[in-house]
Amino acid sequence: MIDESSGKQEVIEAYRRRAPRYDLAVRLFDVFAMSGFNISGWRREAVSALGLKPGDTVVDIGCGTGLNFPLLYRAVASHGKIIGVDLSAAMLTQARQVVAANQWTNVQLVCADAAQFDFPSHVDAVLSTYTLTLVPDCGLVVSNACEALAPGGRIAVLDMAWPRYCPLWWRHVLFFLRSYGVTAEVLRRRPWEVVQTSMMELFQDFSVRHLWFGFFYLACGAARHTGKGAP
């Protein structure tokens, strides 16, 4: 049985240590990784898939240091709203500095477990990048997001996966995974399959694109219900 509280604390501690250098590590990946591995480019695709308009409200689940905020701000403009949610207070400290440096007055930061976050109703979009793999109850996050979205509102999830052709011992080659909370237990749980199955069941226009030999994916969909998000 997985000790979820212990796993959560491990993730919090991992990102507490890496928060000050997290943005630099991401940029180094983009510069030095092999062709087709471009985190920043995939983030742009994920934000673009949301179809945001000026004035929209978007929830960024697992916002971390705010790497998505410049893209989201350009999309929703100053009269839109960005709600950034993250489990790590240390990462949110970095995000708060980004918000202050850019003098963005329409960004709200919330320190919360993604599975326990109380989504506001009638939001226009939900984004999650490199987060749901680390959330044990990731399916609940997807269903809560679905309930919160306005009809036609969109969700985009960009995250890692572990292709079935790849044996688990390969994780030792990708040595950095453990330091970001991606353990063997996480890989055995295969949370990306839960996320994609939940999205396929709950959203219309569902699509999933597998990236970099199947180690990453971008899944998108649109709300088709009249639940909590309905006017």
Protein backbone atom coordinates (compact mmCIF):
# COMPACT_ATOMS: atom_id res chain seq x y z
CA MET A 1 0.00 0.00 0.00
CA ILE A 2 1.34 3.42 -0.94
CA ASP A 3 1.76 5.91 1.93
CA GLU A 4 0.33 8.98 0.20
CA SER A 5 1.23 11.38 3.02
CA SER A 6 4.85 10.22 2.96
CA GLY A 7 4.94 10.54 -0.83
CA LYS A 8 3.48 14.03 -0.64
CA GLN A 9 6.12 15.13 1.88
CA GLU A 10 8.85 13.73 -0.37
CA VAL A 11 7.56 15.79 -3.29
CA ILE A 12 7.31 18.93 -1.14
CA GLU A 13 10.88 18.48 0.08
CA ALA A 14 12.19 17.75 -3.43
CA TYR A 15 10.72 20.95 -4.83
CA ARG A 16 11.69 22.98 -1.77
CA ARG A 17 15.33 22.15 -2.51
CA ARG A 18 15.02 22.85 -6.23
CA ALA A 19 12.76 25.89 -6.22
CA PRO A 20 15.55 28.52 -6.43
CA ARG A 21 17.16 26.79 -9.44
CA TYR A 22 14.10 25.20 -11.05
CA ASP A 23 13.70 27.69 -13.90
CA LEU A 24 17.38 27.41 -14.80
CA ALA A 25 17.15 23.60 -14.90
CA VAL A 26 14.21 23.80 -17.29
CA ARG A 27 16.07 26.19 -19.58
CA LEU A 28 19.12 23.92 -19.60
CA PHE A 29 16.92 21.01 -20.67
CA ASP A 30 15.67 23.07 -23.59
CA VAL A 31 19.16 24.07 -24.67
CA PHE A 32 21.00 20.77 -24.31
CA ALA A 33 18.38 18.06 -24.79
CA MET A 34 18.22 16.15 -28.03
CA SER A 35 16.01 17.16 -30.97
CA GLY A 36 12.29 17.03 -30.26
CA PHE A 37 12.67 17.53 -26.50
CA ASN A 38 11.58 21.11 -25.92
CA ILE A 39 9.79 21.82 -22.66
CA SER A 40 9.16 25.50 -23.40
CA GLY A 41 7.78 24.72 -26.85
CA TRP A 42 5.43 22.12 -25.40
CA ARG A 43 4.24 24.61 -22.79
CA ARG A 44 3.34 27.04 -25.57
CA GLU A 45 1.41 24.31 -27.36
CA ALA A 46 -0.47 23.44 -24.17
CA VAL A 47 -1.47 27.05 -23.54
CA SER A 48 -2.44 27.51 -27.19
CA ALA A 49 -4.68 24.43 -26.97
CA LEU A 50 -6.77 26.20 -24.32
CA GLY A 51 -8.01 28.77 -26.84
CA LEU A 52 -7.87 31.54 -24.25
CA LYS A 53 -9.26 35.00 -24.95
CA PRO A 54 -8.67 38.34 -23.22
CA GLY A 55 -10.75 38.47 -20.05
CA ASP A 56 -10.81 34.69 -19.51
CA THR A 57 -10.12 32.96 -16.18
CA VAL A 58 -7.63 30.09 -16.19
CA VAL A 59 -6.51 27.78 -13.38
CA ASP A 60 -2.89 26.59 -13.55
CA ILE A 61 -2.66 23.38 -11.50
CA GLY A 62 0.89 22.78 -10.29
CA CYS A 63 1.97 26.24 -11.39
CA GLY A 64 5.36 25.88 -9.69
CA THR A 65 7.54 28.95 -10.14
CA GLY A 66 5.15 30.49 -12.66
CA LEU A 67 6.77 29.35 -15.88
CA ASN A 68 3.38 29.32 -17.60
CA PHE A 69 2.35 32.75 -16.37
CA PRO A 70 3.89 34.86 -19.17
CA LEU A 71 2.11 32.73 -21.77
CA LEU A 72 -1.16 32.81 -19.86
CA TYR A 73 -0.95 36.54 -19.20
CA ARG A 74 -0.47 37.29 -22.88
CA ALA A 75 -3.55 35.20 -23.63
CA VAL A 76 -5.98 36.53 -21.00
CA ALA A 77 -4.54 40.09 -20.80
CA SER A 78 -4.69 42.35 -17.76
CA HIS A 79 -8.47 42.02 -17.35
CA GLY A 80 -8.37 38.22 -17.31
CA LYS A 81 -7.47 36.15 -14.27
CA ILE A 82 -4.80 33.53 -13.57
CA ILE A 83 -5.17 31.26 -10.54
CA GLY A 84 -1.95 29.40 -9.79
CA VAL A 85 -2.17 26.36 -7.49
CA ASP A 86 0.80 24.46 -6.09
CA LEU A 87 1.57 22.13 -3.19
CA SER A 88 5.03 23.63 -2.64
CA ALA A 89 5.22 26.89 -0.70
CA ALA A 90 8.84 27.26 -1.84
CA MET A 91 7.85 27.11 -5.51
CA LEU A 92 5.06 29.63 -4.87
CA THR A 93 7.60 31.98 -3.28
CA GLN A 94 9.45 32.01 -6.60
CA ALA A 95 6.16 32.47 -8.47
CA ARG A 96 5.26 35.41 -6.24
CA GLN A 97 8.55 37.08 -7.13
CA VAL A 98 7.78 36.63 -10.85
CA VAL A 99 4.34 38.16 -10.38
CA ALA A 100 5.74 41.12 -8.45
CA ALA A 101 8.56 41.70 -10.93
CA ASN A 102 6.06 41.87 -13.80
CA GLN A 103 3.53 43.91 -11.78
CA TRP A 104 0.74 41.50 -12.66
CA THR A 105 -2.30 42.34 -10.54
CA ASN A 106 -4.55 39.58 -11.89
CA VAL A 107 -2.66 36.54 -10.57
CA GLN A 108 -3.91 34.67 -7.50
CA LEU A 109 -1.63 32.09 -5.88
CA VAL A 110 -3.00 29.22 -3.78
CA CYS A 111 -0.94 26.72 -1.78
CA ALA A 112 -2.96 23.50 -1.94
CA ASP A 113 -2.94 19.85 -2.86
CA ALA A 114 -4.32 19.64 -6.41
CA ALA A 115 -6.75 16.87 -5.39
CA GLN A 116 -8.14 18.99 -2.54
CA PHE A 117 -8.28 22.34 -4.32
CA ASP A 118 -11.77 23.84 -4.45
CA PHE A 119 -12.04 25.08 -8.02
CA PRO A 120 -14.02 28.27 -8.54
CA SER A 121 -17.05 27.79 -10.74
CA HIS A 122 -17.39 28.78 -14.38
CA VAL A 123 -13.68 28.99 -15.22
CA ASP A 124 -12.74 29.15 -18.88
CA ALA A 125 -9.75 26.86 -18.84
CA VAL A 126 -7.61 24.53 -16.72
CA LEU A 127 -3.94 23.88 -17.40
CA SER A 128 -1.60 21.39 -15.76
CA THR A 129 2.04 20.95 -16.74
CA TYR A 130 4.28 18.24 -15.25
CA THR A 131 2.15 17.86 -12.12
CA LEU A 132 -0.56 15.19 -12.27
CA THR A 133 1.93 12.33 -12.50
CA LEU A 134 2.88 13.20 -8.92
CA VAL A 135 -0.72 13.40 -7.64
CA PRO A 136 -1.97 10.03 -6.32
CA ASP A 137 -5.61 11.03 -6.86
CA CYS A 138 -5.01 12.55 -10.28
CA GLY A 139 -8.34 11.28 -11.63
CA LEU A 140 -10.15 13.35 -9.00
CA VAL A 141 -8.31 16.47 -10.16
CA VAL A 142 -9.53 15.86 -13.71
CA SER A 143 -13.14 15.32 -12.61
CA ASN A 144 -13.08 18.40 -10.34
CA ALA A 145 -11.72 20.47 -13.20
CA CYS A 146 -14.48 19.16 -15.44
CA GLU A 147 -17.14 20.21 -12.92
CA ALA A 148 -15.64 23.69 -12.63
CA LEU A 149 -15.33 24.46 -16.33
CA ALA A 150 -17.94 26.51 -18.13
CA PRO A 151 -19.59 24.65 -21.02
CA GLY A 152 -17.05 24.61 -23.83
CA GLY A 153 -14.23 25.47 -21.43
CA ARG A 154 -11.00 23.64 -22.20
CA ILE A 155 -8.41 21.61 -20.32
CA ALA A 156 -4.83 20.84 -21.34
CA VAL A 157 -2.52 18.45 -19.51
CA LEU A 158 1.16 18.28 -20.40
CA ASP A 159 3.00 15.66 -18.41
CA MET A 160 5.45 12.79 -18.39
CA ALA A 161 4.63 9.12 -18.98
CA TRP A 162 6.48 5.83 -19.08
CA PRO A 163 5.99 3.88 -22.33
CA ARG A 164 5.17 0.20 -21.92
CA TYR A 165 8.11 -0.84 -24.11
CA CYS A 166 10.48 0.64 -21.55
CA PRO A 167 11.42 -1.56 -18.54
CA LEU A 168 11.28 0.13 -15.15
CA TRP A 169 15.00 -0.34 -14.51
CA TRP A 170 15.61 2.27 -17.23
CA ARG A 171 14.58 4.85 -14.67
CA HIS A 172 18.11 4.60 -13.29
CA VAL A 173 19.41 5.91 -16.61
CA LEU A 174 17.08 8.92 -16.26
CA PHE A 175 18.69 9.57 -12.89
CA PHE A 176 17.01 12.95 -12.36
CA LEU A 177 13.51 11.44 -12.06
CA ARG A 178 13.82 10.42 -8.41
CA SER A 179 15.01 13.86 -7.40
CA TYR A 180 11.74 15.31 -8.70
CA GLY A 181 9.57 12.77 -6.90
CA VAL A 182 9.13 10.33 -9.81
CA THR A 183 9.77 7.04 -8.02
CA ALA A 184 9.32 3.42 -9.07
CA GLU A 185 6.04 3.43 -7.12
CA VAL A 186 4.80 6.36 -9.20
CA LEU A 187 5.76 4.64 -12.45
CA ARG A 188 4.04 1.40 -11.44
CA ARG A 189 0.87 3.34 -10.67
CA ARG A 190 0.86 4.70 -14.25
CA PRO A 191 -1.03 7.91 -13.40
CA TRP A 192 -0.86 9.19 -16.98
CA GLU A 193 -3.23 6.40 -18.00
CA VAL A 194 -5.69 7.46 -15.27
CA VAL A 195 -5.53 11.07 -16.46
CA GLN A 196 -6.02 10.22 -20.12
CA THR A 197 -8.85 7.75 -19.45
CA SER A 198 -10.63 10.25 -17.20
CA MET A 199 -10.28 13.00 -19.78
CA MET A 200 -11.53 10.75 -22.56
CA GLU A 201 -14.64 9.89 -20.52
CA LEU A 202 -15.42 13.39 -19.27
CA PHE A 203 -14.52 15.71 -22.15
CA GLN A 204 -15.51 16.09 -25.75
CA ASP A 205 -13.01 16.69 -28.55
CA PHE A 206 -10.49 14.70 -26.53
CA SER A 207 -7.09 14.31 -28.11
CA VAL A 208 -3.72 13.07 -26.90
CA ARG A 209 -0.36 13.50 -28.56
CA HIS A 210 2.61 11.43 -27.44
CA LEU A 211 5.93 13.26 -27.34
CA TRP A 212 9.59 12.25 -27.26
CA PHE A 213 9.17 8.49 -27.81
CA GLY A 214 6.19 8.35 -25.46
CA PHE A 215 7.91 9.75 -22.36
CA PHE A 216 5.69 12.83 -22.45
CA TYR A 217 2.18 13.60 -23.66
CA LEU A 218 -0.19 16.51 -24.29
CA ALA A 219 -3.87 15.73 -23.71
CA CYS A 220 -6.67 18.22 -24.40
CA GLY A 221 -10.45 18.35 -24.27
CA ALA A 222 -13.52 20.58 -23.91
CA ALA A 223 -16.27 20.53 -21.28
CA ARG A 224 -19.56 19.08 -22.51
CA HIS A 225 -21.73 19.22 -19.40
CA THR A 226 -23.82 21.65 -17.38
CA GLY A 227 -22.41 20.94 -13.94
CA LYS A 228 -20.81 23.29 -11.43
CA GLY A 229 -19.35 25.39 -14.21
CA ALA A 230 -22.71 26.13 -15.84
CA PRO A 231 -24.16 29.61 -15.44
